[in-house]
Amino acid sequence: MQPFRLESITAGGDCAVLRIDGEIDAYAAPQIRERVIDLARNGTIHIIADLRGAGFLDSAGLGVLVGSCTGLRAREGSLTLVASTGRVLQILRITGLSDAFALHSCVLDAITADQHWQAAVADEGDSTEEWCRKHRLL
């Protein structure tokens, strides 16, 4: 079992990647919820949740993703998911949530598909690929 780890990587004023490693379960869900609330409270409303390091996703985890998406959309923000393979992607597909979220296989694709992210990364003076490489997101 992989230990739970949560890391925020911000870009510009309103974008962040939330890298989530480990199990996304009843233990992790409140921590994820609080991090998203804190980010949104500080103006970061376009979030990419990088789930590639997550090995498990239960109903509490699904609930926090849906709730976070709803809260961010209420602030005119967005929640994009990155899941490339494995059980997490399978759960998203089985539940139909893969159709409810913008879902990408890598962070680079998620950034490229979003105008807010493109502007935030450009403001930092990096290409999208350089920014991802600098933050170990490739």
C-alpha atoms as a PDB file:
ATOM      1  CA  MET A   1       0.000   0.000   0.000  1.00  0.00           C
ATOM      2  CA  GLN A   2       1.355   3.383  -1.031  1.00  0.00           C
ATOM      3  CA  PRO A   3       1.207   6.192   1.582  1.00  0.00           C
ATOM      4  CA  PHE A   4      -1.203   9.045   0.876  1.00  0.00           C
ATOM      5  CA  ARG A   5       0.477  12.208  -0.370  1.00  0.00           C
ATOM      6  CA  LEU A   6      -1.060  15.468  -1.554  1.00  0.00           C
ATOM      7  CA  GLU A   7       0.926  18.209  -3.283  1.00  0.00           C
ATOM      8  CA  SER A   8      -0.193  21.512  -4.844  1.00  0.00           C
ATOM      9  CA  ILE A   9       1.774  23.066  -7.693  1.00  0.00           C
ATOM     10  CA  THR A  10       0.504  26.508  -8.655  1.00  0.00           C
ATOM     11  CA  ALA A  11       0.787  28.335 -11.949  1.00  0.00           C
ATOM     12  CA  GLY A  12      -0.213  31.952 -12.344  1.00  0.00           C
ATOM     13  CA  GLY A  13      -2.815  33.267  -9.984  1.00  0.00           C
ATOM     14  CA  ASP A  14      -5.702  30.904 -10.542  1.00  0.00           C
ATOM     15  CA  CYS A  15      -4.319  27.510 -11.621  1.00  0.00           C
ATOM     16  CA  ALA A  16      -2.878  24.559  -9.688  1.00  0.00           C
ATOM     17  CA  VAL A  17      -2.065  20.913 -10.187  1.00  0.00           C
ATOM     18  CA  LEU A  18      -3.114  18.800  -7.241  1.00  0.00           C
ATOM     19  CA  ARG A  19      -0.906  15.702  -7.330  1.00  0.00           C
ATOM     20  CA  ILE A  20      -2.552  12.883  -5.391  1.00  0.00           C
ATOM     21  CA  ASP A  21      -0.620   9.708  -4.576  1.00  0.00           C
ATOM     22  CA  GLY A  22      -1.892   6.708  -2.636  1.00  0.00           C
ATOM     23  CA  GLU A  23      -5.434   5.654  -1.878  1.00  0.00           C
ATOM     24  CA  ILE A  24      -8.264   8.139  -2.363  1.00  0.00           C
ATOM     25  CA  ASP A  25     -10.591   6.886   0.349  1.00  0.00           C
ATOM     26  CA  ALA A  26     -12.484   8.011   3.455  1.00  0.00           C
ATOM     27  CA  TYR A  27      -9.169   8.975   5.100  1.00  0.00           C
ATOM     28  CA  ALA A  28      -7.907  11.026   2.159  1.00  0.00           C
ATOM     29  CA  ALA A  29     -11.178  12.607   0.994  1.00  0.00           C
ATOM     30  CA  PRO A  30     -11.416  15.243   3.779  1.00  0.00           C
ATOM     31  CA  GLN A  31      -7.798  16.267   3.160  1.00  0.00           C
ATOM     32  CA  ILE A  32      -8.447  16.675  -0.558  1.00  0.00           C
ATOM     33  CA  ARG A  33     -11.651  18.627   0.127  1.00  0.00           C
ATOM     34  CA  GLU A  34      -9.844  21.013   2.489  1.00  0.00           C
ATOM     35  CA  ARG A  35      -6.992  21.561   0.046  1.00  0.00           C
ATOM     36  CA  VAL A  36      -9.406  22.407  -2.784  1.00  0.00           C
ATOM     37  CA  ILE A  37     -11.359  24.752  -0.500  1.00  0.00           C
ATOM     38  CA  ASP A  38      -8.123  26.479   0.582  1.00  0.00           C
ATOM     39  CA  LEU A  39      -6.960  26.846  -3.012  1.00  0.00           C
ATOM     40  CA  ALA A  40     -10.333  28.259  -4.113  1.00  0.00           C
ATOM     41  CA  ARG A  41     -10.439  30.628  -1.130  1.00  0.00           C
ATOM     42  CA  ASN A  42      -7.104  32.019  -2.344  1.00  0.00           C
ATOM     43  CA  GLY A  43      -8.353  32.442  -5.923  1.00  0.00           C
ATOM     44  CA  THR A  44      -7.045  29.201  -7.424  1.00  0.00           C
ATOM     45  CA  ILE A  45     -10.125  27.914  -9.225  1.00  0.00           C
ATOM     46  CA  HIS A  46      -8.723  25.963 -12.197  1.00  0.00           C
ATOM     47  CA  ILE A  47      -7.379  22.717 -10.784  1.00  0.00           C
ATOM     48  CA  ILE A  48      -5.929  19.675 -12.480  1.00  0.00           C
ATOM     49  CA  ALA A  49      -6.148  16.639 -10.194  1.00  0.00           C
ATOM     50  CA  ASP A  50      -3.269  14.359 -11.178  1.00  0.00           C
ATOM     51  CA  LEU A  51      -4.496  10.918 -10.141  1.00  0.00           C
ATOM     52  CA  ARG A  52      -1.778   8.899 -11.893  1.00  0.00           C
ATOM     53  CA  GLY A  53      -0.169   8.056  -8.542  1.00  0.00           C
ATOM     54  CA  ALA A  54      -3.439   6.953  -6.970  1.00  0.00           C
ATOM     55  CA  GLY A  55      -3.952   3.216  -6.765  1.00  0.00           C
ATOM     56  CA  PHE A  56      -7.464   3.188  -5.342  1.00  0.00           C
ATOM     57  CA  LEU A  57     -10.604   5.327  -5.468  1.00  0.00           C
ATOM     58  CA  ASP A  58     -13.679   4.599  -3.341  1.00  0.00           C
ATOM     59  CA  SER A  59     -17.070   6.273  -2.970  1.00  0.00           C
ATOM     60  CA  ALA A  60     -15.700   8.901  -0.550  1.00  0.00           C
ATOM     61  CA  GLY A  61     -13.033   9.757  -3.109  1.00  0.00           C
ATOM     62  CA  LEU A  62     -15.585   9.959  -5.903  1.00  0.00           C
ATOM     63  CA  GLY A  63     -17.718  12.182  -3.702  1.00  0.00           C
ATOM     64  CA  VAL A  64     -14.899  14.613  -3.012  1.00  0.00           C
ATOM     65  CA  LEU A  65     -14.072  14.852  -6.733  1.00  0.00           C
ATOM     66  CA  VAL A  66     -17.696  15.556  -7.654  1.00  0.00           C
ATOM     67  CA  GLY A  67     -18.129  18.021  -4.771  1.00  0.00           C
ATOM     68  CA  SER A  68     -14.898  19.815  -5.634  1.00  0.00           C
ATOM     69  CA  CYS A  69     -15.918  20.085  -9.270  1.00  0.00           C
ATOM     70  CA  THR A  70     -19.295  21.531  -8.288  1.00  0.00           C
ATOM     71  CA  GLY A  71     -17.717  24.049  -5.919  1.00  0.00           C
ATOM     72  CA  LEU A  72     -15.130  25.170  -8.456  1.00  0.00           C
ATOM     73  CA  ARG A  73     -17.730  25.522 -11.214  1.00  0.00           C
ATOM     74  CA  ALA A  74     -19.804  27.724  -8.876  1.00  0.00           C
ATOM     75  CA  ARG A  75     -16.766  30.040  -8.790  1.00  0.00           C
ATOM     76  CA  GLU A  76     -16.464  29.832 -12.619  1.00  0.00           C
ATOM     77  CA  GLY A  77     -13.534  27.458 -12.255  1.00  0.00           C
ATOM     78  CA  SER A  78     -12.855  23.911 -13.346  1.00  0.00           C
ATOM     79  CA  LEU A  79     -11.604  20.540 -12.170  1.00  0.00           C
ATOM     80  CA  THR A  80      -9.810  18.427 -14.748  1.00  0.00           C
ATOM     81  CA  LEU A  81      -8.748  14.864 -13.987  1.00  0.00           C
ATOM     82  CA  VAL A  82      -5.590  13.114 -15.167  1.00  0.00           C
ATOM     83  CA  ALA A  83      -5.729   9.321 -15.009  1.00  0.00           C
ATOM     84  CA  SER A  84      -3.886   7.225 -17.536  1.00  0.00           C
ATOM     85  CA  THR A  85      -4.400   3.572 -16.588  1.00  0.00           C
ATOM     86  CA  GLY A  86      -5.325   1.290 -13.759  1.00  0.00           C
ATOM     87  CA  ARG A  87      -8.072   0.944 -11.223  1.00  0.00           C
ATOM     88  CA  VAL A  88      -8.787   4.650 -10.825  1.00  0.00           C
ATOM     89  CA  LEU A  89      -9.493   5.106 -14.528  1.00  0.00           C
ATOM     90  CA  GLN A  90     -11.589   1.939 -14.502  1.00  0.00           C
ATOM     91  CA  ILE A  91     -13.712   3.254 -11.592  1.00  0.00           C
ATOM     92  CA  LEU A  92     -14.213   6.592 -13.360  1.00  0.00           C
ATOM     93  CA  ARG A  93     -15.395   4.766 -16.473  1.00  0.00           C
ATOM     94  CA  ILE A  94     -17.662   2.299 -14.637  1.00  0.00           C
ATOM     95  CA  THR A  95     -19.380   5.101 -12.714  1.00  0.00           C
ATOM     96  CA  GLY A  96     -19.777   7.248 -15.826  1.00  0.00           C
ATOM     97  CA  LEU A  97     -17.742  10.047 -14.270  1.00  0.00           C
ATOM     98  CA  SER A  98     -15.213   9.853 -17.088  1.00  0.00           C
ATOM     99  CA  ASP A  99     -17.906  11.602 -19.161  1.00  0.00           C
ATOM    100  CA  ALA A 100     -18.721  14.177 -16.462  1.00  0.00           C
ATOM    101  CA  PHE A 101     -15.144  15.442 -16.097  1.00  0.00           C
ATOM    102  CA  ALA A 102     -12.567  16.690 -18.542  1.00  0.00           C
ATOM    103  CA  LEU A 103     -10.310  13.622 -18.417  1.00  0.00           C
ATOM    104  CA  HIS A 104      -6.792  13.404 -19.831  1.00  0.00           C
ATOM    105  CA  SER A 105      -4.016  10.815 -19.776  1.00  0.00           C
ATOM    106  CA  CYS A 106      -1.277  13.288 -18.810  1.00  0.00           C
ATOM    107  CA  VAL A 107      -0.899  16.755 -17.282  1.00  0.00           C
ATOM    108  CA  LEU A 108       0.664  18.115 -20.461  1.00  0.00           C
ATOM    109  CA  ASP A 109      -2.502  17.274 -22.438  1.00  0.00           C
ATOM    110  CA  ALA A 110      -4.728  18.726 -19.715  1.00  0.00           C
ATOM    111  CA  ILE A 111      -2.847  22.032 -19.781  1.00  0.00           C
ATOM    112  CA  THR A 112      -2.793  22.166 -23.568  1.00  0.00           C
ATOM    113  CA  ALA A 113      -6.581  21.712 -23.683  1.00  0.00           C
ATOM    114  CA  ASP A 114      -7.349  24.578 -21.262  1.00  0.00           C
ATOM    115  CA  GLN A 115      -7.034  28.285 -22.143  1.00  0.00           C
ATOM    116  CA  HIS A 116      -6.680  29.373 -18.498  1.00  0.00           C
ATOM    117  CA  TRP A 117      -3.798  26.983 -18.014  1.00  0.00           C
ATOM    118  CA  GLN A 118      -2.112  27.988 -21.256  1.00  0.00           C
ATOM    119  CA  ALA A 119      -2.172  31.637 -20.160  1.00  0.00           C
ATOM    120  CA  ALA A 120      -0.929  30.833 -16.640  1.00  0.00           C
ATOM    121  CA  VAL A 121       2.019  28.802 -17.895  1.00  0.00           C
ATOM    122  CA  ALA A 122       2.858  31.404 -20.552  1.00  0.00           C
ATOM    123  CA  ASP A 123       2.842  34.123 -17.864  1.00  0.00           C
ATOM    124  CA  GLU A 124       5.569  32.185 -16.059  1.00  0.00           C
ATOM    125  CA  GLY A 125       7.697  32.345 -19.211  1.00  0.00           C
ATOM    126  CA  ASP A 126       7.766  28.616 -19.881  1.00  0.00           C
ATOM    127  CA  SER A 127       6.421  26.448 -22.634  1.00  0.00           C
ATOM    128  CA  THR A 128       3.875  23.916 -21.407  1.00  0.00           C
ATOM    129  CA  GLU A 129       6.377  21.095 -21.739  1.00  0.00           C
ATOM    130  CA  GLU A 130       9.090  23.047 -19.895  1.00  0.00           C
ATOM    131  CA  TRP A 131       6.696  23.871 -17.058  1.00  0.00           C
ATOM    132  CA  CYS A 132       5.628  20.222 -16.724  1.00  0.00           C
ATOM    133  CA  ARG A 133       9.229  19.029 -16.809  1.00  0.00           C
ATOM    134  CA  LYS A 134      10.286  21.600 -14.193  1.00  0.00           C
ATOM    135  CA  HIS A 135       7.550  20.355 -11.833  1.00  0.00           C
ATOM    136  CA  ARG A 136       8.098  16.634 -12.565  1.00  0.00           C
ATOM    137  CA  LEU A 137       4.666  16.257 -14.153  1.00  0.00           C
ATOM    138  CA  LEU A 138       5.645  14.474 -17.373  1.00  0.00           C
END
